[in-house]
Amino acid sequence: MSLQFRTATLADLPRIVEIYNSTVPGRMVTADTSPVSVESRIPWFEAHDARRPLWMIDNGEENVGWMSFQSFYGRPAYNGTVELSIYLAESARGKGWGKEILRYAIEVAPKYEVHTLLGFIFAHNEPSIKLFERTGFREWANLPDVAVLDGVPRSLKILGYKI
């Protein structure tokens, strides 16, 4: 069965936060070092709109994750560029769905007047880097040791895809 993508509603925010928080302890996906609250994510949720969507990803009746487009840098000249975020529930990881999700993002990007997708990925998150590269993304930047997680300096890679 192929995945289904639907626009997230405020009622989905607790699930979004639950999935996001499940990635915090692994120190591979997010620079947050402690769980976030639903209340703290309301402004982020409200920043998504018809131009910068937030989708829930379902497999049949089960929600398996979420994906979003976020504005990059906030200046008009960058309106065609978005940061792509993908988060999967623990039970949904390692099932090969990442490639399908990335392909969907590439497919729908023009509908949102997006010509450039960016993924911000920790350099030590090799599985995500490999996934993005297998889908046609290329490394466009490497920001050495810009984050510190539990006292360990971590680098950030920016992978890009031109539509």
N, C-alpha and C. Protein backbone atom coordinates (compact mmCIF):
# COMPACT_ATOMS: atom_id res chain seq x y z
N MET A 1 0.85 -1.18 0.00
CA MET A 1 0.00 0.00 0.00
C MET A 1 0.89 1.24 0.00
N SER A 2 0.52 2.19 -0.81
CA SER A 2 1.30 3.41 -0.88
C SER A 2 0.85 4.38 0.21
N LEU A 3 1.74 5.28 0.57
CA LEU A 3 1.45 6.24 1.63
C LEU A 3 0.47 7.29 1.15
N GLN A 4 -0.28 7.85 2.10
CA GLN A 4 -1.21 8.94 1.82
C GLN A 4 -0.72 10.18 2.56
N PHE A 5 -0.87 11.32 1.90
CA PHE A 5 -0.45 12.60 2.46
C PHE A 5 -1.69 13.48 2.60
N ARG A 6 -1.87 14.03 3.80
CA ARG A 6 -3.01 14.92 4.02
C ARG A 6 -2.53 16.14 4.81
N THR A 7 -3.19 17.25 4.61
CA THR A 7 -2.84 18.47 5.32
C THR A 7 -3.08 18.28 6.81
N ALA A 8 -2.10 18.65 7.60
CA ALA A 8 -2.23 18.53 9.06
C ALA A 8 -3.22 19.56 9.60
N THR A 9 -3.91 19.17 10.65
CA THR A 9 -4.81 20.07 11.37
C THR A 9 -4.26 20.27 12.78
N LEU A 10 -4.78 21.25 13.47
CA LEU A 10 -4.34 21.49 14.84
C LEU A 10 -4.54 20.25 15.71
N ALA A 11 -5.54 19.45 15.41
CA ALA A 11 -5.78 18.22 16.16
C ALA A 11 -4.63 17.22 15.98
N ASP A 12 -3.84 17.37 14.91
CA ASP A 12 -2.69 16.49 14.67
C ASP A 12 -1.44 16.91 15.44
N LEU A 13 -1.45 18.12 16.00
CA LEU A 13 -0.24 18.63 16.63
C LEU A 13 0.29 17.74 17.76
N PRO A 14 -0.53 17.18 18.63
CA PRO A 14 0.03 16.27 19.63
C PRO A 14 0.79 15.08 19.01
N ARG A 15 0.28 14.54 17.93
CA ARG A 15 0.97 13.42 17.25
C ARG A 15 2.28 13.91 16.62
N ILE A 16 2.26 15.09 16.01
CA ILE A 16 3.47 15.67 15.42
C ILE A 16 4.54 15.81 16.49
N VAL A 17 4.16 16.36 17.63
CA VAL A 17 5.10 16.56 18.74
C VAL A 17 5.58 15.22 19.30
N GLU A 18 4.69 14.25 19.41
CA GLU A 18 5.08 12.92 19.89
C GLU A 18 6.17 12.32 19.00
N ILE A 19 5.96 12.39 17.70
CA ILE A 19 6.94 11.83 16.75
C ILE A 19 8.24 12.61 16.83
N TYR A 20 8.14 13.93 16.85
CA TYR A 20 9.34 14.77 16.94
C TYR A 20 10.13 14.44 18.21
N ASN A 21 9.44 14.39 19.34
CA ASN A 21 10.12 14.12 20.61
C ASN A 21 10.76 12.74 20.65
N SER A 22 10.24 11.80 19.87
CA SER A 22 10.84 10.46 19.85
C SER A 22 12.24 10.48 19.24
N THR A 23 12.58 11.55 18.51
CA THR A 23 13.91 11.63 17.89
C THR A 23 14.93 12.33 18.78
N VAL A 24 14.48 13.04 19.79
CA VAL A 24 15.39 13.83 20.63
C VAL A 24 16.46 12.97 21.31
N PRO A 25 16.13 11.87 21.98
CA PRO A 25 17.15 11.11 22.70
C PRO A 25 18.26 10.55 21.81
N GLY A 26 17.98 10.26 20.56
CA GLY A 26 18.98 9.66 19.68
C GLY A 26 20.07 10.60 19.23
N ARG A 27 19.86 11.90 19.36
CA ARG A 27 20.85 12.92 19.00
C ARG A 27 21.32 12.82 17.55
N MET A 28 20.43 12.32 16.67
CA MET A 28 20.78 12.17 15.27
C MET A 28 19.99 13.11 14.36
N VAL A 29 18.81 13.55 14.82
CA VAL A 29 17.88 14.20 13.90
C VAL A 29 17.65 15.67 14.25
N THR A 30 17.51 15.99 15.50
CA THR A 30 17.17 17.35 15.90
C THR A 30 18.22 17.93 16.84
N ALA A 31 18.34 19.24 16.82
CA ALA A 31 19.26 19.92 17.74
C ALA A 31 18.59 20.23 19.07
N ASP A 32 17.31 19.93 19.20
CA ASP A 32 16.68 20.05 20.51
C ASP A 32 17.28 18.99 21.42
N THR A 33 17.58 19.38 22.64
CA THR A 33 18.20 18.44 23.57
C THR A 33 17.24 17.93 24.63
N SER A 34 16.01 18.45 24.63
CA SER A 34 14.97 17.95 25.51
C SER A 34 13.65 18.03 24.75
N PRO A 35 12.67 17.24 25.18
CA PRO A 35 11.38 17.24 24.48
C PRO A 35 10.74 18.63 24.44
N VAL A 36 9.97 18.87 23.38
CA VAL A 36 9.23 20.13 23.25
C VAL A 36 7.77 19.87 23.64
N SER A 37 7.06 20.94 23.95
CA SER A 37 5.65 20.81 24.32
C SER A 37 4.76 21.13 23.12
N VAL A 38 3.54 20.65 23.19
CA VAL A 38 2.57 20.98 22.15
C VAL A 38 2.37 22.49 22.10
N GLU A 39 2.24 23.11 23.26
CA GLU A 39 2.01 24.56 23.32
C GLU A 39 3.15 25.33 22.65
N SER A 40 4.39 24.89 22.87
CA SER A 40 5.54 25.60 22.29
C SER A 40 5.58 25.49 20.77
N ARG A 41 4.91 24.50 20.21
CA ARG A 41 4.94 24.29 18.76
C ARG A 41 3.76 24.93 18.02
N ILE A 42 2.86 25.56 18.75
CA ILE A 42 1.70 26.20 18.10
C ILE A 42 2.14 27.29 17.11
N PRO A 43 3.04 28.21 17.47
CA PRO A 43 3.45 29.22 16.47
C PRO A 43 4.09 28.59 15.22
N TRP A 44 4.89 27.55 15.42
CA TRP A 44 5.48 26.83 14.28
C TRP A 44 4.38 26.23 13.42
N PHE A 45 3.40 25.60 14.05
CA PHE A 45 2.29 25.01 13.31
C PHE A 45 1.55 26.09 12.51
N GLU A 46 1.26 27.20 13.16
CA GLU A 46 0.51 28.28 12.51
C GLU A 46 1.28 28.96 11.39
N ALA A 47 2.60 28.81 11.36
CA ALA A 47 3.42 29.38 10.28
C ALA A 47 3.25 28.60 8.98
N HIS A 48 2.72 27.40 9.07
CA HIS A 48 2.44 26.62 7.87
C HIS A 48 1.11 27.06 7.28
N ASP A 49 1.10 27.18 5.95
CA ASP A 49 -0.10 27.67 5.28
C ASP A 49 -0.18 27.04 3.89
N ALA A 50 -0.97 27.63 3.03
CA ALA A 50 -1.16 27.08 1.68
C ALA A 50 0.14 27.07 0.88
N ARG A 51 1.07 27.98 1.19
CA ARG A 51 2.36 28.02 0.49
C ARG A 51 3.43 27.16 1.17
N ARG A 52 3.30 26.98 2.46
CA ARG A 52 4.29 26.21 3.23
C ARG A 52 3.54 25.13 4.02
N PRO A 53 3.17 24.06 3.32
CA PRO A 53 2.31 23.04 3.94
C PRO A 53 3.01 22.16 4.97
N LEU A 54 2.17 21.57 5.77
CA LEU A 54 2.56 20.56 6.76
C LEU A 54 1.62 19.39 6.53
N TRP A 55 2.21 18.24 6.21
CA TRP A 55 1.40 17.06 5.89
C TRP A 55 1.55 16.00 6.97
N MET A 56 0.47 15.28 7.19
CA MET A 56 0.52 14.04 7.95
C MET A 56 0.69 12.93 6.92
N ILE A 57 1.44 11.91 7.28
CA ILE A 57 1.70 10.79 6.38
C ILE A 57 1.05 9.56 7.00
N ASP A 58 0.13 8.98 6.25
CA ASP A 58 -0.63 7.83 6.74
C ASP A 58 -0.35 6.61 5.88
N ASN A 59 -0.42 5.46 6.51
CA ASN A 59 -0.36 4.17 5.83
C ASN A 59 -1.66 3.45 6.20
N GLY A 60 -2.65 3.57 5.32
CA GLY A 60 -3.96 3.07 5.69
C GLY A 60 -4.53 3.92 6.80
N GLU A 61 -4.96 3.30 7.86
CA GLU A 61 -5.54 4.02 8.99
C GLU A 61 -4.49 4.49 10.00
N GLU A 62 -3.25 4.09 9.81
CA GLU A 62 -2.19 4.40 10.78
C GLU A 62 -1.38 5.61 10.34
N ASN A 63 -1.21 6.57 11.24
CA ASN A 63 -0.31 7.68 10.97
C ASN A 63 1.11 7.22 11.22
N VAL A 64 1.99 7.45 10.23
CA VAL A 64 3.37 6.98 10.37
C VAL A 64 4.38 8.13 10.43
N GLY A 65 3.91 9.37 10.23
CA GLY A 65 4.85 10.48 10.31
C GLY A 65 4.26 11.77 9.78
N TRP A 66 5.18 12.73 9.57
CA TRP A 66 4.78 14.02 9.03
C TRP A 66 5.93 14.61 8.22
N MET A 67 5.56 15.57 7.36
CA MET A 67 6.53 16.25 6.51
C MET A 67 6.12 17.70 6.39
N SER A 68 7.11 18.60 6.27
CA SER A 68 6.77 20.01 6.11
C SER A 68 7.72 20.72 5.17
N PHE A 69 7.21 21.80 4.59
CA PHE A 69 8.01 22.78 3.87
C PHE A 69 8.06 24.01 4.76
N GLN A 70 9.25 24.55 4.99
CA GLN A 70 9.40 25.78 5.76
C GLN A 70 10.19 26.78 4.93
N SER A 71 9.84 28.04 5.06
CA SER A 71 10.57 29.07 4.33
C SER A 71 12.03 29.06 4.72
N PHE A 72 12.85 29.36 3.73
CA PHE A 72 14.29 29.45 3.94
C PHE A 72 14.69 30.91 3.98
N TYR A 73 15.27 31.33 5.02
CA TYR A 73 15.91 32.61 5.21
C TYR A 73 14.97 33.82 5.29
N GLY A 74 13.72 33.69 4.93
CA GLY A 74 12.74 34.74 5.18
C GLY A 74 12.81 35.99 4.33
N ARG A 75 13.55 35.98 3.25
CA ARG A 75 13.60 37.13 2.34
C ARG A 75 12.90 36.76 1.03
N PRO A 76 12.24 37.72 0.37
CA PRO A 76 11.46 37.42 -0.83
C PRO A 76 12.24 36.71 -1.93
N ALA A 77 13.50 37.02 -2.10
CA ALA A 77 14.28 36.39 -3.16
C ALA A 77 14.43 34.88 -2.97
N TYR A 78 14.19 34.41 -1.75
CA TYR A 78 14.30 32.98 -1.45
C TYR A 78 12.95 32.27 -1.43
N ASN A 79 11.89 32.91 -1.91
CA ASN A 79 10.56 32.32 -1.83
C ASN A 79 10.44 30.95 -2.50
N GLY A 80 11.27 30.68 -3.49
CA GLY A 80 11.22 29.40 -4.19
C GLY A 80 12.03 28.29 -3.54
N THR A 81 12.62 28.59 -2.38
CA THR A 81 13.45 27.62 -1.67
C THR A 81 12.82 27.30 -0.33
N VAL A 82 12.76 25.99 -0.01
CA VAL A 82 12.21 25.59 1.28
C VAL A 82 13.11 24.57 1.96
N GLU A 83 13.03 24.58 3.29
CA GLU A 83 13.64 23.52 4.07
C GLU A 83 12.61 22.41 4.19
N LEU A 84 13.02 21.22 3.85
CA LEU A 84 12.16 20.04 3.91
C LEU A 84 12.45 19.29 5.19
N SER A 85 11.41 19.00 5.97
CA SER A 85 11.56 18.21 7.19
C SER A 85 10.69 16.97 7.09
N ILE A 86 11.25 15.85 7.46
CA ILE A 86 10.53 14.57 7.47
C ILE A 86 10.80 13.90 8.81
N TYR A 87 9.73 13.50 9.48
CA TYR A 87 9.85 12.78 10.75
C TYR A 87 8.93 11.58 10.71
N LEU A 88 9.49 10.42 11.01
CA LEU A 88 8.71 9.18 11.03
C LEU A 88 8.62 8.65 12.45
N ALA A 89 7.48 8.04 12.76
CA ALA A 89 7.30 7.36 14.05
C ALA A 89 8.32 6.24 14.16
N GLU A 90 8.70 5.90 15.38
CA GLU A 90 9.70 4.84 15.58
C GLU A 90 9.31 3.55 14.85
N SER A 91 8.05 3.20 14.89
CA SER A 91 7.59 1.95 14.26
C SER A 91 7.63 2.01 12.74
N ALA A 92 7.78 3.21 12.16
CA ALA A 92 7.77 3.37 10.71
C ALA A 92 9.16 3.51 10.10
N ARG A 93 10.16 3.60 10.95
CA ARG A 93 11.53 3.80 10.44
C ARG A 93 12.10 2.49 9.89
N GLY A 94 12.92 2.63 8.86
CA GLY A 94 13.59 1.47 8.28
C GLY A 94 12.73 0.63 7.37
N LYS A 95 11.61 1.17 6.92
CA LYS A 95 10.70 0.42 6.05
C LYS A 95 10.77 0.86 4.60
N GLY A 96 11.69 1.78 4.30
CA GLY A 96 11.84 2.24 2.92
C GLY A 96 10.89 3.34 2.52
N TRP A 97 10.15 3.89 3.46
CA TRP A 97 9.17 4.92 3.12
C TRP A 97 9.82 6.27 2.86
N GLY A 98 11.03 6.48 3.36
CA GLY A 98 11.70 7.77 3.18
C GLY A 98 11.82 8.15 1.72
N LYS A 99 12.17 7.20 0.89
CA LYS A 99 12.33 7.46 -0.54
C LYS A 99 10.99 7.88 -1.16
N GLU A 100 9.91 7.21 -0.79
CA GLU A 100 8.59 7.57 -1.30
C GLU A 100 8.20 8.98 -0.85
N ILE A 101 8.53 9.32 0.38
CA ILE A 101 8.21 10.64 0.91
C ILE A 101 9.00 11.72 0.18
N LEU A 102 10.29 11.48 -0.04
CA LEU A 102 11.10 12.45 -0.77
C LEU A 102 10.61 12.62 -2.20
N ARG A 103 10.25 11.54 -2.84
CA ARG A 103 9.72 11.63 -4.21
C ARG A 103 8.43 12.45 -4.24
N TYR A 104 7.59 12.27 -3.23
CA TYR A 104 6.35 13.06 -3.15
C TYR A 104 6.70 14.55 -3.01
N ALA A 105 7.65 14.87 -2.14
CA ALA A 105 8.05 16.27 -1.95
C ALA A 105 8.53 16.88 -3.26
N ILE A 106 9.33 16.14 -4.00
CA ILE A 106 9.84 16.62 -5.29
C ILE A 106 8.68 16.81 -6.28
N GLU A 107 7.77 15.87 -6.29
CA GLU A 107 6.63 15.91 -7.21
C GLU A 107 5.72 17.11 -6.96
N VAL A 108 5.43 17.41 -5.69
CA VAL A 108 4.47 18.48 -5.39
C VAL A 108 5.10 19.86 -5.27
N ALA A 109 6.42 19.94 -5.19
CA ALA A 109 7.09 21.23 -4.99
C ALA A 109 6.64 22.31 -5.97
N PRO A 110 6.55 22.02 -7.28
CA PRO A 110 6.14 23.08 -8.21
C PRO A 110 4.75 23.66 -7.91
N LYS A 111 3.87 22.86 -7.37
CA LYS A 111 2.53 23.33 -7.00
C LYS A 111 2.61 24.47 -5.98
N TYR A 112 3.68 24.48 -5.18
CA TYR A 112 3.88 25.50 -4.15
C TYR A 112 4.90 26.55 -4.58
N GLU A 113 5.18 26.59 -5.89
CA GLU A 113 6.16 27.52 -6.47
C GLU A 113 7.53 27.35 -5.85
N VAL A 114 7.88 26.10 -5.56
CA VAL A 114 9.17 25.76 -4.99
C VAL A 114 10.04 25.16 -6.08
N HIS A 115 11.25 25.72 -6.22
CA HIS A 115 12.20 25.20 -7.20
C HIS A 115 13.44 24.60 -6.56
N THR A 116 13.58 24.77 -5.25
CA THR A 116 14.74 24.24 -4.55
C THR A 116 14.32 23.67 -3.20
N LEU A 117 14.70 22.41 -2.96
CA LEU A 117 14.46 21.77 -1.68
C LEU A 117 15.80 21.64 -0.95
N LEU A 118 15.78 21.93 0.35
CA LEU A 118 16.98 21.80 1.18
C LEU A 118 16.69 20.86 2.35
N GLY A 119 17.64 20.00 2.64
CA GLY A 119 17.59 19.17 3.83
C GLY A 119 18.74 19.54 4.73
N PHE A 120 18.47 19.87 5.97
CA PHE A 120 19.49 20.17 6.97
C PHE A 120 19.68 18.91 7.80
N ILE A 121 20.84 18.26 7.65
CA ILE A 121 21.05 16.94 8.26
C ILE A 121 22.39 16.92 8.99
N PHE A 122 22.37 16.44 10.24
CA PHE A 122 23.63 16.27 10.95
C PHE A 122 24.56 15.36 10.16
N ALA A 123 25.84 15.71 10.11
CA ALA A 123 26.82 14.93 9.34
C ALA A 123 26.95 13.50 9.86
N HIS A 124 26.67 13.27 11.14
CA HIS A 124 26.76 11.92 11.69
C HIS A 124 25.50 11.09 11.44
N ASN A 125 24.49 11.69 10.82
CA ASN A 125 23.26 10.97 10.50
C ASN A 125 23.39 10.36 9.09
N GLU A 126 24.26 9.39 9.00
CA GLU A 126 24.57 8.78 7.70
C GLU A 126 23.36 8.14 7.02
N PRO A 127 22.45 7.48 7.75
CA PRO A 127 21.28 6.91 7.06
C PRO A 127 20.45 7.97 6.33
N SER A 128 20.23 9.12 6.95
CA SER A 128 19.44 10.17 6.29
C SER A 128 20.21 10.77 5.11
N ILE A 129 21.50 10.97 5.27
CA ILE A 129 22.30 11.51 4.17
C ILE A 129 22.25 10.56 2.98
N LYS A 130 22.41 9.28 3.23
CA LYS A 130 22.36 8.30 2.14
C LYS A 130 20.99 8.28 1.47
N LEU A 131 19.93 8.36 2.26
CA LEU A 131 18.57 8.39 1.71
C LEU A 131 18.40 9.59 0.78
N PHE A 132 18.78 10.77 1.24
CA PHE A 132 18.62 11.96 0.43
C PHE A 132 19.47 11.86 -0.84
N GLU A 133 20.70 11.40 -0.71
CA GLU A 133 21.57 11.29 -1.89
C GLU A 133 21.03 10.28 -2.89
N ARG A 134 20.49 9.16 -2.42
CA ARG A 134 19.90 8.16 -3.34
C ARG A 134 18.69 8.72 -4.08
N THR A 135 18.09 9.76 -3.53
CA THR A 135 16.92 10.36 -4.16
C THR A 135 17.31 11.56 -5.03
N GLY A 136 18.58 11.83 -5.17
CA GLY A 136 19.05 12.88 -6.07
C GLY A 136 19.53 14.16 -5.40
N PHE A 137 19.43 14.25 -4.08
CA PHE A 137 19.96 15.41 -3.38
C PHE A 137 21.49 15.33 -3.38
N ARG A 138 22.13 16.50 -3.35
CA ARG A 138 23.58 16.57 -3.30
C ARG A 138 24.00 17.49 -2.16
N GLU A 139 25.18 17.23 -1.62
CA GLU A 139 25.69 18.09 -0.55
C GLU A 139 26.06 19.45 -1.13
N TRP A 140 25.46 20.49 -0.56
CA TRP A 140 25.74 21.86 -1.00
C TRP A 140 26.53 22.64 0.04
N ALA A 141 26.54 22.16 1.28
CA ALA A 141 27.29 22.87 2.32
C ALA A 141 27.59 21.91 3.46
N ASN A 142 28.71 22.19 4.13
CA ASN A 142 29.08 21.46 5.34
C ASN A 142 29.51 22.51 6.36
N LEU A 143 28.74 22.60 7.43
CA LEU A 143 29.02 23.57 8.48
C LEU A 143 29.66 22.81 9.64
N PRO A 144 31.00 22.87 9.74
CA PRO A 144 31.69 22.04 10.73
C PRO A 144 31.43 22.51 12.17
N ASP A 145 31.10 21.54 13.00
CA ASP A 145 30.99 21.73 14.46
C ASP A 145 30.13 22.94 14.86
N VAL A 146 29.01 23.14 14.19
CA VAL A 146 28.13 24.27 14.52
C VAL A 146 27.17 23.97 15.66
N ALA A 147 27.06 22.70 16.04
CA ALA A 147 26.18 22.32 17.15
C ALA A 147 27.00 21.53 18.18
N VAL A 148 26.53 21.56 19.39
CA VAL A 148 27.13 20.76 20.45
C VAL A 148 26.01 19.97 21.11
N LEU A 149 26.10 18.66 21.03
CA LEU A 149 25.11 17.77 21.63
C LEU A 149 25.81 16.94 22.70
N ASP A 150 25.39 17.12 23.93
CA ASP A 150 25.98 16.39 25.06
C ASP A 150 27.50 16.56 25.10
N GLY A 151 27.96 17.77 24.83
CA GLY A 151 29.38 18.06 24.87
C GLY A 151 30.16 17.65 23.63
N VAL A 152 29.49 17.08 22.65
CA VAL A 152 30.16 16.61 21.43
C VAL A 152 29.85 17.58 20.29
N PRO A 153 30.89 18.18 19.69
CA PRO A 153 30.66 19.05 18.54
C PRO A 153 30.10 18.24 17.37
N ARG A 154 29.09 18.80 16.69
CA ARG A 154 28.45 18.12 15.57
C ARG A 154 28.37 19.05 14.37
N SER A 155 28.64 18.50 13.21
CA SER A 155 28.57 19.27 11.96
C SER A 155 27.20 19.10 11.32
N LEU A 156 26.84 20.09 10.52
CA LEU A 156 25.56 20.08 9.82
C LEU A 156 25.82 20.13 8.32
N LYS A 157 25.19 19.23 7.59
CA LYS A 157 25.26 19.26 6.14
C LYS A 157 23.96 19.80 5.59
N ILE A 158 24.06 20.54 4.53
CA ILE A 158 22.88 21.01 3.81
C ILE A 158 22.89 20.29 2.46
N LEU A 159 21.86 19.51 2.23
CA LEU A 159 21.72 18.80 0.96
C LEU A 159 20.63 19.50 0.15
N GLY A 160 20.87 19.68 -1.14
CA GLY A 160 19.94 20.41 -1.96
C GLY A 160 19.49 19.62 -3.17
N TYR A 161 18.33 20.02 -3.67
CA TYR A 161 17.75 19.41 -4.88
C TYR A 161 17.09 20.51 -5.68
N LYS A 162 17.49 20.66 -6.95
CA LYS A 162 16.86 21.62 -7.86
C LYS A 162 15.75 20.91 -8.61
N ILE A 163 14.56 21.49 -8.58
CA ILE A 163 13.40 20.91 -9.28
C ILE A 163 13.53 21.23 -10.76
